[in-house]
Amino acid sequence: MSGRQKALLVLLGVLLVALFAVAVAGGRADRGDPADRSGLVDRLGRLGGEQAAVDPAAVAAECAVEPGRLVFTGGCALRVAAPGGLRTLVLRSPARFTVEAPAPGDIDVTVRDDVEPAADGAVVRVAVDRPTTVLLGCPGLGTCTVTVAPS
């Protein structure tokens, strides 16, 4: 190895140690707030573009009263047809509901969430990459209305 290559290797090592030290010094001890997004992350997300949403016509369910509109008491199973890649299933409701879905990829994990309404209602985004069954639940004795949104 020549002297120039050794100098570049040492410089690279010093740079990596300095970057690590800056990252550790600038870190936070708390777990953070998932709603508090970094401006850099948002800009990188805009460069990558938005992830395509699942077409409401590709979702079938026994509780569907019309395409993309689900009304049920207790529970309902949605069947998402092959999305042709990683897509986002967007579900909106004016009231609280639960959702249970398998994680995308080859991992054997089921994700469950109790979706609470915010100012614009309850919204959940489920990543799907293959034909998937998503289970919805309506807490309590009432009826839930959930819409499969195009975005």
Protein backbone atom coordinates (compact mmCIF):
# COMPACT_ATOMS: atom_id res chain seq x y z
CA MET A 1 0.00 0.00 0.00
CA SER A 2 1.41 3.36 -0.96
CA GLY A 3 1.83 6.30 1.39
CA ARG A 4 -1.01 8.18 -0.31
CA GLN A 5 -3.43 5.24 0.18
CA LYS A 6 -2.42 4.96 3.86
CA ALA A 7 -3.04 8.68 4.37
CA LEU A 8 -6.48 8.44 2.73
CA LEU A 9 -7.35 5.42 4.87
CA VAL A 10 -6.33 7.23 8.06
CA LEU A 11 -8.29 10.34 6.97
CA LEU A 12 -11.37 8.21 6.31
CA GLY A 13 -11.05 6.59 9.76
CA VAL A 14 -10.75 9.99 11.46
CA LEU A 15 -13.79 11.26 9.53
CA LEU A 16 -15.88 8.25 10.58
CA VAL A 17 -14.90 8.68 14.25
CA ALA A 18 -15.73 12.41 14.07
CA LEU A 19 -19.14 11.72 12.51
CA PHE A 20 -19.89 9.10 15.16
CA ALA A 21 -18.92 11.54 17.94
CA VAL A 22 -21.17 14.25 16.48
CA ALA A 23 -24.08 11.79 16.17
CA VAL A 24 -23.69 10.60 19.77
CA ALA A 25 -23.31 14.12 21.14
CA GLY A 26 -26.37 15.36 19.24
CA GLY A 27 -28.57 12.40 20.18
CA ARG A 28 -31.53 12.49 22.55
CA ALA A 29 -32.01 10.30 25.59
CA ASP A 30 -35.81 10.06 25.20
CA ARG A 31 -37.59 7.81 22.73
CA GLY A 32 -38.77 10.75 20.65
CA ASP A 33 -42.13 11.69 19.21
CA PRO A 34 -43.11 9.89 16.00
CA ALA A 35 -45.25 12.87 14.96
CA ASP A 36 -42.24 15.21 15.25
CA ARG A 37 -40.71 14.86 11.80
CA SER A 38 -37.35 16.19 10.73
CA GLY A 39 -37.31 18.67 7.86
CA LEU A 40 -34.54 16.64 6.23
CA VAL A 41 -36.65 13.47 6.38
CA ASP A 42 -39.62 15.28 4.82
CA ARG A 43 -37.46 16.64 1.98
CA LEU A 44 -35.99 13.19 1.31
CA GLY A 45 -39.52 11.73 1.31
CA ARG A 46 -40.64 14.27 -1.30
CA LEU A 47 -37.64 13.35 -3.47
CA GLY A 48 -38.61 9.68 -3.29
CA GLY A 49 -42.24 10.45 -4.06
CA GLU A 50 -45.38 9.26 -2.39
CA GLN A 51 -46.10 5.57 -2.05
CA ALA A 52 -49.03 4.58 -4.25
CA ALA A 53 -52.28 3.81 -2.49
CA VAL A 54 -54.28 0.62 -3.00
CA ASP A 55 -57.12 1.12 -5.47
CA PRO A 56 -60.43 0.88 -3.55
CA ALA A 57 -61.73 -1.35 -6.36
CA ALA A 58 -59.01 -3.91 -5.46
CA VAL A 59 -60.52 -4.36 -1.98
CA ALA A 60 -63.32 -6.88 -1.42
CA ALA A 61 -65.30 -7.40 1.78
CA GLU A 62 -68.62 -8.91 2.82
CA CYS A 63 -69.39 -5.74 4.77
CA ALA A 64 -69.02 -3.49 1.68
CA VAL A 65 -72.22 -1.56 0.98
CA GLU A 66 -70.62 0.02 -2.08
CA PRO A 67 -67.08 -0.04 -3.50
CA GLY A 68 -64.73 1.50 -0.94
CA ARG A 69 -67.38 1.95 1.79
CA LEU A 70 -67.63 -0.61 4.59
CA VAL A 71 -70.33 -0.74 7.26
CA PHE A 72 -70.10 -3.39 9.98
CA THR A 73 -70.81 -4.29 13.59
CA GLY A 74 -68.22 -6.32 15.44
CA GLY A 75 -65.73 -7.12 12.69
CA CYS A 76 -65.08 -7.32 8.98
CA ALA A 77 -62.39 -8.97 6.86
CA LEU A 78 -61.00 -7.07 3.87
CA ARG A 79 -59.29 -8.95 1.08
CA VAL A 80 -56.77 -6.89 -0.87
CA ALA A 81 -55.99 -8.27 -4.33
CA ALA A 82 -52.39 -8.50 -5.53
CA PRO A 83 -51.24 -4.88 -5.42
CA GLY A 84 -48.35 -5.31 -7.87
CA GLY A 85 -45.70 -4.01 -5.46
CA LEU A 86 -45.61 -2.20 -2.14
CA ARG A 87 -48.78 -0.11 -1.74
CA THR A 88 -50.55 1.67 1.11
CA LEU A 89 -54.09 0.73 2.10
CA VAL A 90 -55.62 3.93 3.51
CA LEU A 91 -58.61 3.47 5.80
CA ARG A 92 -60.63 6.43 7.16
CA SER A 93 -63.48 6.55 9.65
CA PRO A 94 -65.22 9.25 11.68
CA ALA A 95 -65.06 6.97 14.75
CA ARG A 96 -62.64 4.66 16.55
CA PHE A 97 -61.88 1.23 15.05
CA THR A 98 -59.23 -1.49 15.23
CA VAL A 99 -57.12 -2.94 12.44
CA GLU A 100 -55.04 -6.11 12.28
CA ALA A 101 -52.82 -6.92 9.30
CA PRO A 102 -49.73 -8.94 8.43
CA ALA A 103 -46.52 -7.00 7.99
CA PRO A 104 -45.20 -6.74 4.42
CA GLY A 105 -42.29 -8.86 3.27
CA ASP A 106 -41.32 -12.35 4.33
CA ILE A 107 -41.60 -11.64 8.04
CA ASP A 108 -44.22 -13.54 10.07
CA VAL A 109 -45.55 -10.64 12.16
CA THR A 110 -49.11 -9.39 12.59
CA VAL A 111 -49.58 -5.71 13.41
CA ARG A 112 -52.59 -4.57 15.44
CA ASP A 113 -53.65 -0.99 16.14
CA ASP A 114 -56.51 0.79 17.89
CA VAL A 115 -57.15 3.77 15.64
CA GLU A 116 -58.38 6.83 17.52
CA PRO A 117 -60.09 9.72 15.73
CA ALA A 118 -58.28 13.03 15.38
CA ALA A 119 -59.66 16.33 14.07
CA ASP A 120 -60.22 14.81 10.61
CA GLY A 121 -61.36 11.39 11.88
CA ALA A 122 -59.50 8.14 12.37
CA VAL A 123 -56.98 7.32 9.66
CA VAL A 124 -54.71 4.31 9.34
CA ARG A 125 -52.24 3.39 6.60
CA VAL A 126 -51.44 -0.30 6.12
CA ALA A 127 -48.51 -1.39 3.93
CA VAL A 128 -49.38 -4.31 1.64
CA ASP A 129 -47.17 -6.03 -0.92
CA ARG A 130 -49.11 -9.21 -1.71
CA PRO A 131 -52.70 -10.46 -1.55
CA THR A 132 -53.61 -9.76 2.07
CA THR A 133 -56.50 -10.10 4.49
CA VAL A 134 -56.91 -7.15 6.84
CA LEU A 135 -59.23 -7.54 9.82
CA LEU A 136 -61.22 -4.55 11.04
CA GLY A 137 -62.96 -4.37 14.39
CA CYS A 138 -65.65 -2.09 15.77
CA PRO A 139 -65.26 -1.64 19.54
CA GLY A 140 -68.43 -1.58 21.58
CA LEU A 141 -71.91 -2.38 20.38
CA GLY A 142 -72.21 0.29 17.70
CA THR A 143 -71.80 0.21 13.95
CA CYS A 144 -68.60 1.37 12.25
CA THR A 145 -68.27 2.95 8.84
CA VAL A 146 -64.84 2.78 7.24
CA THR A 147 -63.86 4.15 3.85
CA VAL A 148 -61.06 2.79 1.69
CA ALA A 149 -59.49 6.04 0.55
CA PRO A 150 -57.51 6.55 -2.66
CA SER A 151 -54.90 8.59 -0.74
